[in-house]
N, C-alpha and C. Protein backbone atom coordinates (compact mmCIF):
# COMPACT_ATOMS: atom_id res chain seq x y z
N MET A 1 16.92 -49.23 -61.47
CA MET A 1 17.26 -49.34 -60.12
C MET A 1 18.13 -50.55 -59.81
N ASN A 2 18.08 -51.54 -60.72
CA ASN A 2 18.80 -52.75 -60.44
C ASN A 2 20.22 -52.77 -61.03
N ASN A 3 20.63 -51.73 -61.72
CA ASN A 3 21.95 -51.65 -62.29
C ASN A 3 22.82 -51.16 -61.32
N PRO A 4 23.84 -51.93 -60.71
CA PRO A 4 24.73 -51.41 -59.69
C PRO A 4 25.58 -50.22 -60.23
N ALA A 5 25.86 -50.15 -61.49
CA ALA A 5 26.68 -49.20 -62.06
C ALA A 5 26.07 -47.85 -62.05
N ASP A 6 24.62 -47.84 -62.04
CA ASP A 6 23.88 -46.60 -62.22
C ASP A 6 22.60 -46.73 -61.43
N PRO A 7 22.71 -46.70 -60.08
CA PRO A 7 21.55 -46.82 -59.13
C PRO A 7 20.73 -45.63 -59.30
N ALA A 8 19.40 -45.78 -59.45
CA ALA A 8 18.41 -44.69 -59.41
C ALA A 8 17.92 -44.28 -58.02
N ALA A 9 17.42 -43.10 -57.88
CA ALA A 9 16.88 -42.57 -56.54
C ALA A 9 15.54 -42.94 -56.41
N ARG A 10 15.11 -43.28 -55.25
CA ARG A 10 13.66 -43.44 -54.95
C ARG A 10 13.40 -42.59 -53.80
N VAL A 11 12.33 -41.64 -53.94
CA VAL A 11 11.96 -40.74 -53.01
C VAL A 11 10.88 -41.17 -52.00
N LEU A 12 11.13 -40.96 -50.77
CA LEU A 12 10.27 -41.45 -49.73
C LEU A 12 9.94 -40.28 -48.81
N ARG A 13 8.77 -40.12 -48.37
CA ARG A 13 8.31 -39.01 -47.47
C ARG A 13 7.97 -39.44 -46.15
N GLY A 14 8.25 -38.63 -45.14
CA GLY A 14 7.88 -39.02 -43.78
C GLY A 14 8.45 -40.33 -43.18
N ARG A 15 7.67 -40.96 -42.44
CA ARG A 15 8.02 -42.25 -41.77
C ARG A 15 8.26 -43.31 -42.68
N ASP A 16 7.90 -43.26 -44.01
CA ASP A 16 8.18 -44.37 -44.91
C ASP A 16 9.62 -44.74 -44.84
N VAL A 17 10.48 -43.90 -44.64
CA VAL A 17 11.86 -44.14 -44.65
C VAL A 17 12.32 -45.11 -43.55
N LEU A 18 11.61 -45.20 -42.48
CA LEU A 18 12.01 -45.99 -41.29
C LEU A 18 12.05 -47.46 -41.56
N THR A 19 11.46 -47.90 -42.59
CA THR A 19 11.56 -49.38 -43.00
C THR A 19 12.99 -49.58 -43.42
N HIS A 20 13.74 -48.60 -43.79
CA HIS A 20 15.13 -48.79 -44.25
C HIS A 20 16.17 -48.31 -43.34
N THR A 21 15.80 -48.15 -42.01
CA THR A 21 16.70 -47.58 -41.05
C THR A 21 18.06 -48.34 -40.93
N ASP A 22 18.00 -49.64 -40.86
CA ASP A 22 19.30 -50.39 -40.73
C ASP A 22 20.14 -50.20 -41.98
N ALA A 23 19.51 -50.23 -43.15
CA ALA A 23 20.38 -49.98 -44.27
C ALA A 23 20.95 -48.62 -44.32
N LEU A 24 20.18 -47.58 -44.01
CA LEU A 24 20.68 -46.27 -43.93
C LEU A 24 21.88 -46.15 -42.88
N ARG A 25 21.69 -46.75 -41.73
CA ARG A 25 22.71 -46.66 -40.72
C ARG A 25 24.00 -47.30 -41.31
N SER A 26 23.89 -48.46 -41.95
CA SER A 26 25.13 -49.14 -42.63
C SER A 26 25.74 -48.19 -43.55
N VAL A 27 25.02 -47.62 -44.52
CA VAL A 27 25.58 -46.63 -45.45
C VAL A 27 26.21 -45.57 -44.78
N TYR A 28 25.66 -44.96 -43.79
CA TYR A 28 26.19 -43.89 -43.02
C TYR A 28 27.51 -44.28 -42.40
N ALA A 29 27.67 -45.51 -41.84
CA ALA A 29 28.80 -45.91 -41.23
C ALA A 29 29.89 -46.05 -42.33
N ASP A 30 29.59 -46.64 -43.50
CA ASP A 30 30.54 -46.72 -44.57
C ASP A 30 31.09 -45.43 -45.11
N ALA A 31 30.12 -44.51 -45.30
CA ALA A 31 30.40 -43.28 -45.92
C ALA A 31 31.17 -42.28 -45.05
N PHE A 32 31.08 -42.36 -43.79
CA PHE A 32 31.64 -41.35 -42.87
C PHE A 32 32.66 -41.99 -42.01
N ALA A 33 33.21 -43.25 -42.36
CA ALA A 33 34.19 -43.84 -41.50
C ALA A 33 35.68 -43.18 -41.74
N ALA A 34 35.81 -42.73 -42.97
CA ALA A 34 37.21 -42.18 -43.36
C ALA A 34 37.26 -40.74 -43.01
N PRO A 35 38.46 -40.29 -42.96
CA PRO A 35 38.74 -38.78 -42.74
C PRO A 35 38.09 -37.93 -43.88
N PRO A 36 37.65 -36.86 -43.63
CA PRO A 36 37.77 -36.06 -42.39
C PRO A 36 36.66 -36.24 -41.29
N TRP A 37 35.80 -37.23 -41.60
CA TRP A 37 34.57 -37.31 -40.58
C TRP A 37 35.02 -38.27 -39.50
N ASN A 38 35.66 -39.42 -39.86
CA ASN A 38 36.08 -40.41 -38.85
C ASN A 38 34.96 -40.91 -37.83
N GLU A 39 33.80 -41.05 -38.38
CA GLU A 39 32.69 -41.45 -37.65
C GLU A 39 32.73 -43.04 -37.33
N ASP A 40 32.35 -43.41 -36.12
CA ASP A 40 32.44 -44.79 -35.82
C ASP A 40 30.96 -45.38 -35.75
N GLU A 41 30.90 -46.67 -35.30
CA GLU A 41 29.66 -47.33 -35.33
C GLU A 41 28.67 -46.62 -34.33
N GLU A 42 29.27 -46.07 -33.17
CA GLU A 42 28.37 -45.43 -32.35
C GLU A 42 27.72 -44.12 -32.81
N ARG A 43 28.52 -43.48 -33.64
CA ARG A 43 27.98 -42.25 -34.35
C ARG A 43 26.84 -42.71 -35.39
N ALA A 44 27.02 -43.84 -36.02
CA ALA A 44 26.10 -44.38 -36.98
C ALA A 44 24.82 -44.67 -36.31
N ALA A 45 24.95 -45.38 -35.04
CA ALA A 45 23.74 -45.72 -34.18
C ALA A 45 23.01 -44.39 -33.88
N GLU A 46 23.76 -43.31 -33.50
CA GLU A 46 23.11 -42.05 -33.12
C GLU A 46 22.30 -41.47 -34.25
N PHE A 47 22.97 -41.60 -35.50
CA PHE A 47 22.22 -41.12 -36.66
C PHE A 47 20.94 -41.90 -36.85
N ALA A 48 20.92 -43.21 -36.74
CA ALA A 48 19.70 -44.06 -36.88
C ALA A 48 18.71 -43.63 -35.82
N GLY A 49 19.13 -43.35 -34.59
CA GLY A 49 18.20 -42.89 -33.56
C GLY A 49 17.65 -41.53 -33.88
N ARG A 50 18.44 -40.57 -34.46
CA ARG A 50 17.86 -39.29 -34.82
C ARG A 50 16.81 -39.42 -35.98
N LEU A 51 17.07 -40.47 -36.77
CA LEU A 51 16.21 -40.61 -37.98
C LEU A 51 14.75 -40.86 -37.63
N ILE A 52 14.64 -41.52 -36.50
CA ILE A 52 13.29 -41.80 -36.01
C ILE A 52 12.55 -40.43 -35.72
N HIS A 53 13.22 -39.52 -35.07
CA HIS A 53 12.67 -38.10 -34.78
C HIS A 53 12.62 -37.35 -36.08
N ASP A 54 13.61 -37.34 -36.87
CA ASP A 54 13.66 -36.48 -38.09
C ASP A 54 12.61 -36.84 -39.11
N ALA A 55 12.23 -38.06 -39.15
CA ALA A 55 11.25 -38.51 -40.10
C ALA A 55 9.82 -37.88 -39.80
N ARG A 56 9.71 -37.43 -38.59
CA ARG A 56 8.39 -36.67 -38.21
C ARG A 56 8.45 -35.27 -38.56
N ARG A 57 9.58 -34.78 -38.93
CA ARG A 57 9.67 -33.24 -39.15
C ARG A 57 8.83 -32.88 -40.30
N PRO A 58 8.27 -31.55 -40.34
CA PRO A 58 7.52 -31.22 -41.56
C PRO A 58 8.40 -31.24 -42.79
N GLY A 59 7.85 -31.82 -43.80
CA GLY A 59 8.57 -31.82 -45.16
C GLY A 59 9.63 -32.88 -45.17
N PHE A 60 9.71 -33.71 -44.26
CA PHE A 60 10.87 -34.77 -44.29
C PHE A 60 10.71 -35.53 -45.63
N THR A 61 11.85 -35.55 -46.28
CA THR A 61 12.05 -36.28 -47.57
C THR A 61 13.33 -37.07 -47.56
N ALA A 62 13.36 -38.21 -48.04
CA ALA A 62 14.62 -39.05 -48.26
C ALA A 62 14.69 -39.52 -49.74
N ALA A 63 15.78 -39.51 -50.24
CA ALA A 63 16.11 -40.08 -51.60
C ALA A 63 17.06 -41.34 -51.25
N LEU A 64 16.64 -42.55 -51.72
CA LEU A 64 17.47 -43.65 -51.50
C LEU A 64 17.81 -44.14 -52.77
N ALA A 65 19.13 -44.65 -52.92
CA ALA A 65 19.56 -45.38 -54.15
C ALA A 65 19.72 -46.81 -53.87
N PHE A 66 19.28 -47.70 -54.81
CA PHE A 66 19.35 -49.11 -54.59
C PHE A 66 20.17 -49.69 -55.73
N ALA A 67 21.08 -50.61 -55.33
CA ALA A 67 21.80 -51.54 -56.39
C ALA A 67 21.28 -52.82 -56.01
N GLY A 68 20.51 -53.51 -56.96
CA GLY A 68 19.80 -54.62 -56.64
C GLY A 68 18.82 -54.30 -55.38
N GLY A 69 18.93 -55.17 -54.43
CA GLY A 69 18.14 -54.88 -53.17
C GLY A 69 18.77 -54.11 -52.06
N ASP A 70 20.03 -53.73 -52.38
CA ASP A 70 20.93 -52.96 -51.42
C ASP A 70 20.84 -51.52 -51.50
N VAL A 71 20.70 -50.87 -50.42
CA VAL A 71 20.71 -49.32 -50.37
C VAL A 71 22.32 -49.06 -50.49
N VAL A 72 22.63 -48.16 -51.47
CA VAL A 72 24.01 -47.82 -51.72
C VAL A 72 24.22 -46.33 -51.31
N GLY A 73 23.09 -45.60 -51.22
CA GLY A 73 23.26 -44.12 -50.91
C GLY A 73 21.97 -43.54 -50.51
N PHE A 74 22.06 -42.42 -49.91
CA PHE A 74 20.71 -41.76 -49.45
C PHE A 74 21.08 -40.22 -49.27
N ALA A 75 20.01 -39.49 -49.23
CA ALA A 75 20.02 -38.06 -48.87
C ALA A 75 18.67 -37.94 -48.13
N THR A 76 18.85 -37.02 -47.08
CA THR A 76 17.60 -36.72 -46.20
C THR A 76 17.56 -35.31 -45.97
N GLY A 77 16.32 -34.76 -45.73
CA GLY A 77 16.23 -33.41 -45.29
C GLY A 77 14.79 -33.07 -44.94
N TRP A 78 14.52 -31.79 -44.62
CA TRP A 78 13.18 -31.38 -44.09
C TRP A 78 13.19 -29.84 -44.26
N THR A 79 11.92 -29.25 -43.97
CA THR A 79 11.72 -27.94 -43.95
C THR A 79 12.26 -27.24 -42.74
N THR A 80 13.04 -26.26 -42.78
CA THR A 80 13.47 -25.54 -41.60
C THR A 80 12.36 -24.60 -41.17
N LEU A 81 11.89 -24.76 -40.00
CA LEU A 81 10.83 -23.92 -39.52
C LEU A 81 11.25 -22.77 -38.74
N PRO A 82 10.54 -21.66 -38.75
CA PRO A 82 10.92 -20.50 -37.95
C PRO A 82 10.40 -20.74 -36.48
N PRO A 83 11.13 -20.14 -35.55
CA PRO A 83 12.28 -19.28 -35.72
C PRO A 83 13.58 -20.21 -35.95
N PHE A 84 14.51 -19.64 -36.61
CA PHE A 84 15.76 -20.43 -36.93
C PHE A 84 16.19 -21.14 -35.67
N PRO A 85 16.47 -22.51 -35.84
CA PRO A 85 16.81 -23.31 -34.67
C PRO A 85 18.13 -22.79 -34.01
N ALA A 86 18.22 -23.25 -32.68
CA ALA A 86 19.33 -22.66 -31.83
C ALA A 86 20.12 -23.94 -31.31
N ASP A 87 19.91 -25.20 -31.97
CA ASP A 87 20.63 -26.35 -31.38
C ASP A 87 21.58 -26.89 -32.43
N ARG A 88 22.32 -27.90 -32.15
CA ARG A 88 23.14 -28.55 -33.14
C ARG A 88 24.29 -27.43 -33.62
N CYS A 89 24.45 -27.35 -34.98
CA CYS A 89 25.40 -26.39 -35.48
C CYS A 89 24.61 -25.12 -36.02
N TYR A 90 23.29 -24.96 -35.80
CA TYR A 90 22.66 -23.80 -36.26
C TYR A 90 23.22 -22.48 -35.70
N PRO A 91 23.66 -22.33 -34.50
CA PRO A 91 24.20 -21.10 -34.11
C PRO A 91 25.36 -20.64 -34.94
N GLN A 92 26.11 -21.57 -35.36
CA GLN A 92 27.33 -21.11 -36.21
C GLN A 92 26.81 -20.65 -37.57
N ALA A 93 25.76 -21.23 -38.02
CA ALA A 93 25.24 -20.81 -39.30
C ALA A 93 24.60 -19.33 -39.19
N ALA A 94 23.85 -19.21 -38.04
CA ALA A 94 23.25 -17.96 -37.86
C ALA A 94 24.29 -16.78 -37.62
N ALA A 95 25.38 -17.13 -36.96
CA ALA A 95 26.54 -16.11 -36.74
C ALA A 95 27.15 -15.73 -38.06
N GLY A 96 27.25 -16.71 -39.02
CA GLY A 96 27.87 -16.44 -40.33
C GLY A 96 27.02 -15.66 -41.15
N LEU A 97 25.70 -15.88 -41.11
CA LEU A 97 24.76 -15.19 -42.03
C LEU A 97 24.21 -13.91 -41.35
N GLY A 98 24.17 -13.88 -40.00
CA GLY A 98 23.39 -12.86 -39.31
C GLY A 98 21.94 -13.47 -39.13
N ALA A 99 21.36 -13.10 -38.00
CA ALA A 99 20.08 -13.65 -37.62
C ALA A 99 18.97 -13.34 -38.71
N ARG A 100 19.02 -12.13 -39.28
CA ARG A 100 17.98 -11.73 -40.30
C ARG A 100 18.12 -12.63 -41.54
N ARG A 101 19.31 -12.73 -42.04
CA ARG A 101 19.52 -13.65 -43.28
C ARG A 101 19.18 -15.07 -42.94
N ALA A 102 19.54 -15.48 -41.77
CA ALA A 102 19.22 -16.92 -41.42
C ALA A 102 17.79 -17.12 -41.50
N ASN A 103 17.07 -16.23 -40.92
CA ASN A 103 15.58 -16.37 -40.93
C ASN A 103 14.99 -16.25 -42.33
N ASP A 104 15.40 -15.30 -43.08
CA ASP A 104 14.85 -14.93 -44.33
C ASP A 104 15.26 -15.97 -45.38
N TRP A 105 16.54 -16.40 -45.31
CA TRP A 105 16.97 -17.27 -46.35
C TRP A 105 16.79 -18.69 -46.05
N LEU A 106 16.74 -19.07 -44.84
CA LEU A 106 16.78 -20.48 -44.55
C LEU A 106 15.42 -21.09 -43.89
N CYS A 107 14.76 -20.18 -43.13
CA CYS A 107 13.43 -20.68 -42.64
C CYS A 107 12.45 -20.82 -43.85
N GLY A 108 11.76 -21.89 -43.75
CA GLY A 108 10.81 -22.23 -44.85
C GLY A 108 11.45 -22.87 -46.03
N ALA A 109 12.76 -22.98 -46.05
CA ALA A 109 13.45 -23.62 -47.15
C ALA A 109 13.70 -25.09 -46.75
N PHE A 110 14.04 -25.91 -47.75
CA PHE A 110 14.33 -27.28 -47.56
C PHE A 110 15.88 -27.42 -47.12
N GLU A 111 16.05 -28.03 -46.01
CA GLU A 111 17.34 -28.27 -45.42
C GLU A 111 17.96 -29.62 -45.74
N VAL A 112 18.96 -29.69 -46.35
CA VAL A 112 19.58 -31.14 -46.62
C VAL A 112 20.33 -31.46 -45.35
N ASP A 113 20.02 -32.56 -44.69
CA ASP A 113 20.63 -32.94 -43.46
C ASP A 113 21.82 -33.86 -43.70
N GLU A 114 21.61 -34.90 -44.42
CA GLU A 114 22.60 -36.00 -44.69
C GLU A 114 22.67 -36.33 -46.18
N LEU A 115 23.88 -36.59 -46.59
CA LEU A 115 24.02 -37.14 -47.97
C LEU A 115 25.18 -38.05 -47.89
N ALA A 116 24.91 -39.41 -48.08
CA ALA A 116 25.95 -40.39 -48.00
C ALA A 116 25.83 -41.43 -49.08
N VAL A 117 26.98 -41.84 -49.54
CA VAL A 117 27.13 -43.00 -50.51
C VAL A 117 28.14 -43.91 -50.14
N ARG A 118 28.01 -45.13 -50.29
CA ARG A 118 29.04 -46.15 -49.95
C ARG A 118 30.30 -45.89 -50.74
N PRO A 119 31.47 -46.11 -50.29
CA PRO A 119 32.69 -45.85 -50.93
C PRO A 119 32.76 -46.42 -52.33
N ARG A 120 32.21 -47.67 -52.49
CA ARG A 120 32.45 -48.26 -53.80
C ARG A 120 31.63 -47.72 -54.87
N VAL A 121 30.70 -46.68 -54.62
CA VAL A 121 29.99 -46.04 -55.62
C VAL A 121 30.22 -44.48 -55.69
N GLN A 122 31.17 -44.09 -54.83
CA GLN A 122 31.60 -42.66 -54.84
C GLN A 122 32.31 -42.40 -56.18
N GLY A 123 32.06 -41.23 -56.65
CA GLY A 123 32.65 -40.86 -57.96
C GLY A 123 31.81 -41.18 -59.17
N SER A 124 30.63 -41.86 -58.89
CA SER A 124 29.89 -42.29 -60.00
C SER A 124 28.85 -41.35 -60.46
N GLY A 125 28.71 -40.21 -59.66
CA GLY A 125 27.63 -39.26 -59.99
C GLY A 125 26.37 -39.50 -59.08
N LEU A 126 26.31 -40.68 -58.32
CA LEU A 126 25.16 -40.95 -57.55
C LEU A 126 24.88 -39.90 -56.53
N ALA A 127 25.94 -39.37 -55.86
CA ALA A 127 25.61 -38.29 -54.76
C ALA A 127 24.90 -37.10 -55.43
N GLY A 128 25.30 -36.73 -56.59
CA GLY A 128 24.67 -35.61 -57.25
C GLY A 128 23.18 -35.98 -57.60
N ARG A 129 22.96 -37.14 -58.10
CA ARG A 129 21.59 -37.52 -58.38
C ARG A 129 20.68 -37.58 -57.11
N LEU A 130 21.26 -38.02 -56.08
CA LEU A 130 20.54 -38.03 -54.70
C LEU A 130 20.22 -36.65 -54.27
N LEU A 131 21.24 -35.91 -54.40
CA LEU A 131 20.99 -34.35 -54.03
C LEU A 131 19.97 -33.72 -54.68
N GLU A 132 19.97 -33.97 -56.06
CA GLU A 132 18.92 -33.32 -56.89
C GLU A 132 17.51 -33.92 -56.66
N ALA A 133 17.48 -35.29 -56.46
CA ALA A 133 16.18 -35.97 -56.16
C ALA A 133 15.54 -35.46 -54.82
N VAL A 134 16.37 -35.25 -53.76
CA VAL A 134 15.81 -34.79 -52.48
C VAL A 134 15.40 -33.34 -52.51
N THR A 135 16.13 -32.60 -53.29
CA THR A 135 15.82 -31.08 -53.20
C THR A 135 14.85 -30.59 -54.37
N ALA A 136 14.58 -31.53 -55.25
CA ALA A 136 13.80 -31.08 -56.40
C ALA A 136 12.44 -30.47 -56.06
N PRO A 137 11.66 -31.00 -54.95
CA PRO A 137 10.54 -30.32 -54.67
C PRO A 137 10.64 -29.01 -53.76
N ALA A 138 11.80 -28.57 -53.51
CA ALA A 138 12.05 -27.34 -52.66
C ALA A 138 11.30 -26.12 -53.30
N PRO A 139 10.48 -25.55 -52.33
CA PRO A 139 9.60 -24.44 -52.79
C PRO A 139 10.58 -23.34 -53.39
N GLU A 140 10.26 -22.96 -54.61
CA GLU A 140 10.90 -21.88 -55.33
C GLU A 140 12.42 -21.99 -55.40
N GLY A 141 12.87 -23.38 -55.32
CA GLY A 141 14.24 -23.72 -55.34
C GLY A 141 14.98 -23.42 -54.12
N ARG A 142 14.23 -23.06 -52.94
CA ARG A 142 14.90 -22.67 -51.73
C ARG A 142 15.33 -23.98 -50.95
N CYS A 143 16.60 -24.29 -51.10
CA CYS A 143 17.19 -25.38 -50.25
C CYS A 143 18.58 -24.94 -49.88
N TRP A 144 19.01 -25.50 -48.83
CA TRP A 144 20.25 -25.05 -48.21
C TRP A 144 20.81 -26.41 -47.38
N LEU A 145 22.13 -26.26 -46.99
CA LEU A 145 22.70 -27.23 -46.18
C LEU A 145 24.00 -26.74 -45.41
N LEU A 146 24.35 -27.47 -44.49
CA LEU A 146 25.65 -27.15 -43.76
C LEU A 146 26.66 -28.28 -43.99
N THR A 147 28.00 -27.96 -44.07
CA THR A 147 29.04 -28.82 -44.14
C THR A 147 30.17 -28.29 -43.32
N SER A 148 31.21 -29.10 -43.15
CA SER A 148 32.29 -28.70 -42.28
C SER A 148 33.42 -28.02 -43.19
N VAL A 149 33.95 -26.97 -42.73
CA VAL A 149 35.06 -26.36 -43.42
C VAL A 149 36.27 -27.30 -43.47
N GLN A 150 36.32 -28.35 -42.55
CA GLN A 150 37.32 -29.36 -42.58
C GLN A 150 37.04 -30.41 -43.67
N ALA A 151 36.06 -30.30 -44.46
CA ALA A 151 35.77 -31.30 -45.42
C ALA A 151 35.87 -30.74 -46.91
N PRO A 152 37.05 -30.40 -47.25
CA PRO A 152 37.24 -29.65 -48.64
C PRO A 152 36.63 -30.47 -49.73
N GLY A 153 36.64 -31.76 -49.63
CA GLY A 153 36.14 -32.67 -50.72
C GLY A 153 34.55 -32.40 -50.90
N ALA A 154 33.90 -32.32 -49.68
CA ALA A 154 32.45 -32.03 -49.73
C ALA A 154 32.25 -30.67 -50.28
N MET A 155 33.00 -29.73 -49.81
CA MET A 155 32.81 -28.31 -50.32
C MET A 155 33.02 -28.31 -51.77
N THR A 156 33.94 -28.96 -52.32
CA THR A 156 34.19 -28.96 -53.78
C THR A 156 32.99 -29.62 -54.52
N PHE A 157 32.59 -30.68 -53.99
CA PHE A 157 31.35 -31.37 -54.53
C PHE A 157 30.24 -30.46 -54.63
N TYR A 158 29.84 -29.76 -53.59
CA TYR A 158 28.64 -28.94 -53.65
C TYR A 158 28.86 -27.84 -54.68
N ARG A 159 30.00 -27.23 -54.73
CA ARG A 159 30.28 -26.20 -55.64
C ARG A 159 30.07 -26.69 -57.05
N ARG A 160 30.61 -28.00 -57.36
CA ARG A 160 30.39 -28.56 -58.65
C ARG A 160 28.98 -28.84 -59.05
N GLN A 161 28.06 -28.94 -57.90
CA GLN A 161 26.69 -29.21 -58.15
C GLN A 161 25.92 -27.90 -58.36
N GLY A 162 26.65 -26.78 -58.40
CA GLY A 162 26.01 -25.52 -58.58
C GLY A 162 25.54 -24.82 -57.35
N TRP A 163 25.91 -25.29 -56.14
CA TRP A 163 25.53 -24.76 -54.87
C TRP A 163 26.53 -23.59 -54.62
N ILE A 164 26.13 -22.62 -53.84
CA ILE A 164 27.00 -21.44 -53.55
C ILE A 164 27.23 -21.28 -52.09
N GLN A 165 28.47 -21.06 -51.72
CA GLN A 165 28.82 -21.03 -50.26
C GLN A 165 28.38 -19.59 -49.80
N ALA A 166 27.59 -19.69 -48.75
CA ALA A 166 26.92 -18.35 -48.26
C ALA A 166 27.78 -17.77 -46.98
N THR A 167 28.46 -18.56 -46.31
CA THR A 167 29.28 -18.17 -45.25
C THR A 167 30.68 -18.54 -45.38
N HIS A 168 31.66 -17.85 -44.85
CA HIS A 168 33.03 -17.87 -45.21
C HIS A 168 33.80 -17.96 -43.85
N PRO A 169 33.81 -19.00 -43.02
CA PRO A 169 34.64 -18.99 -41.79
C PRO A 169 36.19 -19.14 -42.22
N SER A 170 36.96 -18.88 -41.12
CA SER A 170 38.42 -19.02 -41.37
C SER A 170 38.76 -20.40 -41.97
N PRO A 171 39.59 -20.45 -43.02
CA PRO A 171 39.94 -21.58 -43.69
C PRO A 171 40.63 -22.70 -42.71
N GLY A 172 41.28 -22.17 -41.81
CA GLY A 172 41.92 -23.02 -40.82
C GLY A 172 41.02 -23.37 -39.58
N GLY A 173 39.73 -22.92 -39.58
CA GLY A 173 38.98 -23.04 -38.54
C GLY A 173 38.25 -24.49 -38.51
N LYS A 174 37.37 -24.62 -37.51
CA LYS A 174 36.64 -25.90 -37.37
C LYS A 174 35.14 -25.79 -37.57
N GLY A 175 34.80 -24.58 -38.11
CA GLY A 175 33.31 -24.26 -38.28
C GLY A 175 32.66 -24.95 -39.40
N VAL A 176 31.42 -24.51 -39.56
CA VAL A 176 30.60 -25.01 -40.56
C VAL A 176 30.31 -23.91 -41.63
N VAL A 177 29.94 -24.31 -42.79
CA VAL A 177 29.59 -23.41 -43.84
C VAL A 177 28.25 -23.70 -44.31
N VAL A 178 27.54 -22.64 -44.66
CA VAL A 178 26.16 -22.71 -45.24
C VAL A 178 26.39 -22.60 -46.74
N PHE A 179 25.65 -23.57 -47.53
CA PHE A 179 25.52 -23.55 -48.95
C PHE A 179 24.06 -23.33 -49.36
N LEU A 180 23.84 -22.44 -50.28
CA LEU A 180 22.51 -22.31 -50.87
C LEU A 180 22.40 -23.09 -52.14
N GLY A 181 21.26 -23.68 -52.48
CA GLY A 181 21.10 -24.47 -53.62
C GLY A 181 21.08 -23.68 -54.96
N PRO A 182 21.34 -24.43 -55.97
CA PRO A 182 21.49 -23.74 -57.29
C PRO A 182 20.32 -22.83 -57.76
N ARG A 183 19.13 -22.99 -57.20
CA ARG A 183 17.95 -22.06 -57.58
C ARG A 183 17.53 -21.31 -56.47
N HIS A 184 18.22 -21.29 -55.26
CA HIS A 184 17.86 -20.49 -54.23
C HIS A 184 17.78 -19.02 -54.60
N PRO A 185 16.59 -18.26 -54.37
CA PRO A 185 16.57 -16.88 -54.71
C PRO A 185 17.49 -15.88 -54.16
N ALA A 186 18.13 -16.30 -53.03
CA ALA A 186 19.07 -15.34 -52.40
C ALA A 186 20.53 -15.57 -52.80
N ARG A 187 20.73 -16.47 -53.64
CA ARG A 187 22.17 -16.88 -54.09
C ARG A 187 22.92 -15.62 -54.61
N ASP A 188 22.21 -14.77 -55.37
CA ASP A 188 22.94 -13.66 -55.94
C ASP A 188 23.11 -12.45 -54.83
N LEU A 189 22.60 -12.65 -53.63
CA LEU A 189 22.77 -11.67 -52.51
C LEU A 189 23.96 -12.14 -51.61
N VAL A 190 24.59 -13.30 -51.86
CA VAL A 190 25.61 -13.83 -51.01
C VAL A 190 26.83 -12.92 -51.25
N PRO A 191 27.35 -12.38 -50.06
CA PRO A 191 28.56 -11.68 -50.17
C PRO A 191 29.72 -12.68 -50.30
N GLN A 192 30.67 -12.29 -51.39
CA GLN A 192 31.73 -13.16 -51.72
C GLN A 192 32.96 -12.75 -50.83
N PRO A 193 33.88 -13.70 -50.46
CA PRO A 193 35.12 -13.34 -49.78
C PRO A 193 35.97 -12.38 -50.66
N LEU A 194 36.80 -11.60 -49.85
CA LEU A 194 37.81 -10.82 -50.55
C LEU A 194 38.83 -11.54 -51.29
């Protein structure tokens, strides 16, 4: 964990992550400041505020990477409870999959909410290790996430990690895409684009 060139992931459950809120806010601000995200300090503060609520969700898990005493990356997520949520970007996911698939494939599965690493460690393989650490306990490999169609780098990253794109909005659109994890049992049922 102390080697800055190869930080290891430490997994935390529930509210244990809240002792690192300031560090996670800082990593979030660093990771999402550049295009295509263009997030500012206000958005990083909103993330920190959401974290207090999210840490109470069933199955909440965080994987944090430390270089020395500094957090240089993290991944967070929780179990998606039925019925499939109708706030945030969830309606776009349900529209892309259909209500039945959204409930069958995503409810009860581990949902990756955030994955962020500081720019100075991007490209080191850390994001992949964090993603694997946070999703390793997913029941029957059932894990999923949303990302923006306007983030081709993120979409390429998830594909390289073995995730499969389950929804296919217009490439020029501003929508979100659903990815299913490498061991998700529904991955072979995903319709591929023409």
